[in-house]
Structure formats: C-alpha cells, structure tokens
Amino acid sequence: MVWLMRQDKKKGKIGLVVLAVLVVGVLIYVYLNRDALNGVRP
C-alpha cells in the first residue's frame, strides 16, 4: 500500500480514501463478528 502511494503521488489522495474505506470495512467486519461470537456464547 505504501509503495503504491509513493509510486504515484498524484493519486495519493485516492490511496488514502481507499485505505480509509478498508480500515472502516475491517472495523465493521470485526464488530459484527464480535457480536456474532457474543451471541453464540451463553
């Protein structure tokens, strides 16, 4: 990810947006999985 942003500085902002979306997606994924695991446990 870092080398892609360094390779094309003009698309750096797009890279940051994509990275932000990935981070948010992972957080939501972990949050939903945590709720699912908590629901399975008694």
PDB file of N, CA and C in Angstrom:
ATOM      1  N   MET A   1       0.834  -1.205   0.000  1.00  0.00           N
ATOM      2  CA  MET A   1       0.000   0.000   0.000  1.00  0.00           C
ATOM      3  C   MET A   1       0.869   1.255   0.000  1.00  0.00           C
ATOM      4  N   VAL A   2       1.883   1.270   0.837  1.00  0.00           N
ATOM      5  CA  VAL A   2       2.727   2.462   0.954  1.00  0.00           C
ATOM      6  C   VAL A   2       3.483   2.728  -0.338  1.00  0.00           C
ATOM      7  N   TRP A   3       4.048   1.665  -0.932  1.00  0.00           N
ATOM      8  CA  TRP A   3       4.844   1.862  -2.151  1.00  0.00           C
ATOM      9  C   TRP A   3       3.955   2.284  -3.308  1.00  0.00           C
ATOM     10  N   LEU A   4       2.693   1.872  -3.303  1.00  0.00           N
ATOM     11  CA  LEU A   4       1.772   2.297  -4.363  1.00  0.00           C
ATOM     12  C   LEU A   4       1.549   3.801  -4.272  1.00  0.00           C
ATOM     13  N   MET A   5       1.388   4.315  -3.054  1.00  0.00           N
ATOM     14  CA  MET A   5       1.163   5.742  -2.856  1.00  0.00           C
ATOM     15  C   MET A   5       2.417   6.537  -3.210  1.00  0.00           C
ATOM     16  N   ARG A   6       3.575   5.990  -2.904  1.00  0.00           N
ATOM     17  CA  ARG A   6       4.824   6.688  -3.207  1.00  0.00           C
ATOM     18  C   ARG A   6       5.084   6.690  -4.705  1.00  0.00           C
ATOM     19  N   GLN A   7       4.657   5.615  -5.388  1.00  0.00           N
ATOM     20  CA  GLN A   7       4.922   5.489  -6.814  1.00  0.00           C
ATOM     21  C   GLN A   7       4.139   6.540  -7.604  1.00  0.00           C
ATOM     22  N   ASP A   8       2.936   6.855  -7.168  1.00  0.00           N
ATOM     23  CA  ASP A   8       2.117   7.839  -7.869  1.00  0.00           C
ATOM     24  C   ASP A   8       1.582   8.858  -6.864  1.00  0.00           C
ATOM     25  N   LYS A   9       2.310   9.959  -6.715  1.00  0.00           N
ATOM     26  CA  LYS A   9       1.929  10.968  -5.727  1.00  0.00           C
ATOM     27  C   LYS A   9       0.615  11.647  -6.091  1.00  0.00           C
ATOM     28  N   LYS A  10       0.305  11.724  -7.392  1.00  0.00           N
ATOM     29  CA  LYS A  10      -0.932  12.384  -7.824  1.00  0.00           C
ATOM     30  C   LYS A  10      -2.155  11.631  -7.324  1.00  0.00           C
ATOM     31  N   LYS A  11      -2.043  10.315  -7.204  1.00  0.00           N
ATOM     32  CA  LYS A  11      -3.176   9.510  -6.751  1.00  0.00           C
ATOM     33  C   LYS A  11      -3.075   9.215  -5.254  1.00  0.00           C
ATOM     34  N   GLY A  12      -2.270   9.989  -4.561  1.00  0.00           N
ATOM     35  CA  GLY A  12      -2.090   9.775  -3.127  1.00  0.00           C
ATOM     36  C   GLY A  12      -3.394   9.931  -2.366  1.00  0.00           C
ATOM     37  N   LYS A  13      -4.181  10.950  -2.748  1.00  0.00           N
ATOM     38  CA  LYS A  13      -5.455  11.178  -2.056  1.00  0.00           C
ATOM     39  C   LYS A  13      -6.388   9.992  -2.265  1.00  0.00           C
ATOM     40  N   ILE A  14      -6.407   9.465  -3.493  1.00  0.00           N
ATOM     41  CA  ILE A  14      -7.266   8.310  -3.784  1.00  0.00           C
ATOM     42  C   ILE A  14      -6.808   7.126  -2.940  1.00  0.00           C
ATOM     43  N   GLY A  15      -5.505   6.972  -2.788  1.00  0.00           N
ATOM     44  CA  GLY A  15      -4.963   5.875  -1.987  1.00  0.00           C
ATOM     45  C   GLY A  15      -5.388   6.013  -0.531  1.00  0.00           C
ATOM     46  N   LEU A  16      -5.377   7.249  -0.028  1.00  0.00           N
ATOM     47  CA  LEU A  16      -5.789   7.477   1.362  1.00  0.00           C
ATOM     48  C   LEU A  16      -7.260   7.149   1.540  1.00  0.00           C
ATOM     49  N   VAL A  17      -8.084   7.511   0.555  1.00  0.00           N
ATOM     50  CA  VAL A  17      -9.523   7.229   0.635  1.00  0.00           C
ATOM     51  C   VAL A  17      -9.751   5.723   0.633  1.00  0.00           C
ATOM     52  N   VAL A  18      -9.061   5.015  -0.268  1.00  0.00           N
ATOM     53  CA  VAL A  18      -9.201   3.558  -0.345  1.00  0.00           C
ATOM     54  C   VAL A  18      -8.758   2.929   0.967  1.00  0.00           C
ATOM     55  N   LEU A  19      -7.639   3.409   1.517  1.00  0.00           N
ATOM     56  CA  LEU A  19      -7.128   2.880   2.781  1.00  0.00           C
ATOM     57  C   LEU A  19      -8.138   3.118   3.903  1.00  0.00           C
ATOM     58  N   ALA A  20      -8.730   4.303   3.931  1.00  0.00           N
ATOM     59  CA  ALA A  20      -9.723   4.629   4.962  1.00  0.00           C
ATOM     60  C   ALA A  20     -10.927   3.702   4.850  1.00  0.00           C
ATOM     61  N   VAL A  21     -11.378   3.457   3.611  1.00  0.00           N
ATOM     62  CA  VAL A  21     -12.534   2.571   3.393  1.00  0.00           C
ATOM     63  C   VAL A  21     -12.200   1.161   3.866  1.00  0.00           C
ATOM     64  N   LEU A  22     -10.974   0.702   3.578  1.00  0.00           N
ATOM     65  CA  LEU A  22     -10.566  -0.643   4.004  1.00  0.00           C
ATOM     66  C   LEU A  22     -10.551  -0.729   5.529  1.00  0.00           C
ATOM     67  N   VAL A  23     -10.019   0.294   6.180  1.00  0.00           N
ATOM     68  CA  VAL A  23      -9.957   0.298   7.650  1.00  0.00           C
ATOM     69  C   VAL A  23     -11.360   0.253   8.241  1.00  0.00           C
ATOM     70  N   VAL A  24     -12.255   1.085   7.713  1.00  0.00           N
ATOM     71  CA  VAL A  24     -13.637   1.114   8.213  1.00  0.00           C
ATOM     72  C   VAL A  24     -14.301  -0.233   7.976  1.00  0.00           C
ATOM     73  N   GLY A  25     -14.054  -0.827   6.807  1.00  0.00           N
ATOM     74  CA  GLY A  25     -14.639  -2.132   6.492  1.00  0.00           C
ATOM     75  C   GLY A  25     -14.167  -3.198   7.462  1.00  0.00           C
ATOM     76  N   VAL A  26     -12.887  -3.186   7.778  1.00  0.00           N
ATOM     77  CA  VAL A  26     -12.336  -4.174   8.716  1.00  0.00           C
ATOM     78  C   VAL A  26     -12.932  -3.973  10.106  1.00  0.00           C
ATOM     79  N   LEU A  27     -13.047  -2.719  10.531  1.00  0.00           N
ATOM     80  CA  LEU A  27     -13.610  -2.441  11.858  1.00  0.00           C
ATOM     81  C   LEU A  27     -15.053  -2.933  11.939  1.00  0.00           C
ATOM     82  N   ILE A  28     -15.837  -2.680  10.892  1.00  0.00           N
ATOM     83  CA  ILE A  28     -17.236  -3.135  10.874  1.00  0.00           C
ATOM     84  C   ILE A  28     -17.276  -4.659  10.864  1.00  0.00           C
ATOM     85  N   TYR A  29     -16.385  -5.282  10.077  1.00  0.00           N
ATOM     86  CA  TYR A  29     -16.336  -6.746   9.991  1.00  0.00           C
ATOM     87  C   TYR A  29     -16.032  -7.351  11.356  1.00  0.00           C
ATOM     88  N   VAL A  30     -15.041  -6.797  12.040  1.00  0.00           N
ATOM     89  CA  VAL A  30     -14.666  -7.303  13.368  1.00  0.00           C
ATOM     90  C   VAL A  30     -15.797  -7.055  14.363  1.00  0.00           C
ATOM     91  N   TYR A  31     -16.436  -5.890  14.262  1.00  0.00           N
ATOM     92  CA  TYR A  31     -17.528  -5.552  15.184  1.00  0.00           C
ATOM     93  C   TYR A  31     -18.688  -6.525  15.015  1.00  0.00           C
ATOM     94  N   LEU A  32     -19.061  -6.808  13.768  1.00  0.00           N
ATOM     95  CA  LEU A  32     -20.164  -7.737  13.508  1.00  0.00           C
ATOM     96  C   LEU A  32     -19.791  -9.142  13.966  1.00  0.00           C
ATOM     97  N   ASN A  33     -18.552  -9.556  13.725  1.00  0.00           N
ATOM     98  CA  ASN A  33     -18.120 -10.893  14.142  1.00  0.00           C
ATOM     99  C   ASN A  33     -18.114 -10.997  15.663  1.00  0.00           C
ATOM    100  N   ARG A  34     -17.715  -9.915  16.335  1.00  0.00           N
ATOM    101  CA  ARG A  34     -17.691  -9.918  17.801  1.00  0.00           C
ATOM    102  C   ARG A  34     -19.111 -10.075  18.338  1.00  0.00           C
ATOM    103  N   ASP A  35     -20.067  -9.395  17.717  1.00  0.00           N
ATOM    104  CA  ASP A  35     -21.464  -9.519  18.144  1.00  0.00           C
ATOM    105  C   ASP A  35     -21.947 -10.940  17.907  1.00  0.00           C
ATOM    106  N   ALA A  36     -21.564 -11.529  16.777  1.00  0.00           N
ATOM    107  CA  ALA A  36     -21.984 -12.895  16.452  1.00  0.00           C
ATOM    108  C   ALA A  36     -21.399 -13.872  17.474  1.00  0.00           C
ATOM    109  N   LEU A  37     -20.121 -13.698  17.808  1.00  0.00           N
ATOM    110  CA  LEU A  37     -19.482 -14.585  18.783  1.00  0.00           C
ATOM    111  C   LEU A  37     -20.127 -14.413  20.154  1.00  0.00           C
ATOM    112  N   ASN A  38     -20.429 -13.192  20.524  1.00  0.00           N
ATOM    113  CA  ASN A  38     -21.067 -12.948  21.820  1.00  0.00           C
ATOM    114  C   ASN A  38     -22.469 -13.546  21.843  1.00  0.00           C
ATOM    115  N   GLY A  39     -23.145 -13.549  20.698  1.00  0.00           N
ATOM    116  CA  GLY A  39     -24.495 -14.102  20.627  1.00  0.00           C
ATOM    117  C   GLY A  39     -24.469 -15.618  20.766  1.00  0.00           C
ATOM    118  N   VAL A  40     -23.411 -16.256  20.234  1.00  0.00           N
ATOM    119  CA  VAL A  40     -23.309 -17.716  20.305  1.00  0.00           C
ATOM    120  C   VAL A  40     -23.007 -18.150  21.735  1.00  0.00           C
ATOM    121  N   ARG A  41     -22.167 -17.373  22.409  1.00  0.00           N
ATOM    122  CA  ARG A  41     -21.796 -17.733  23.784  1.00  0.00           C
ATOM    123  C   ARG A  41     -22.975 -17.541  24.730  1.00  0.00           C
ATOM    124  N   PRO A  42     -23.140 -18.424  25.721  1.00  0.00           N
ATOM    125  CA  PRO A  42     -24.248 -18.335  26.683  1.00  0.00           C
ATOM    126  C   PRO A  42     -24.071 -17.143  27.622  1.00  0.00           C
TER     127      PRO A  42
END
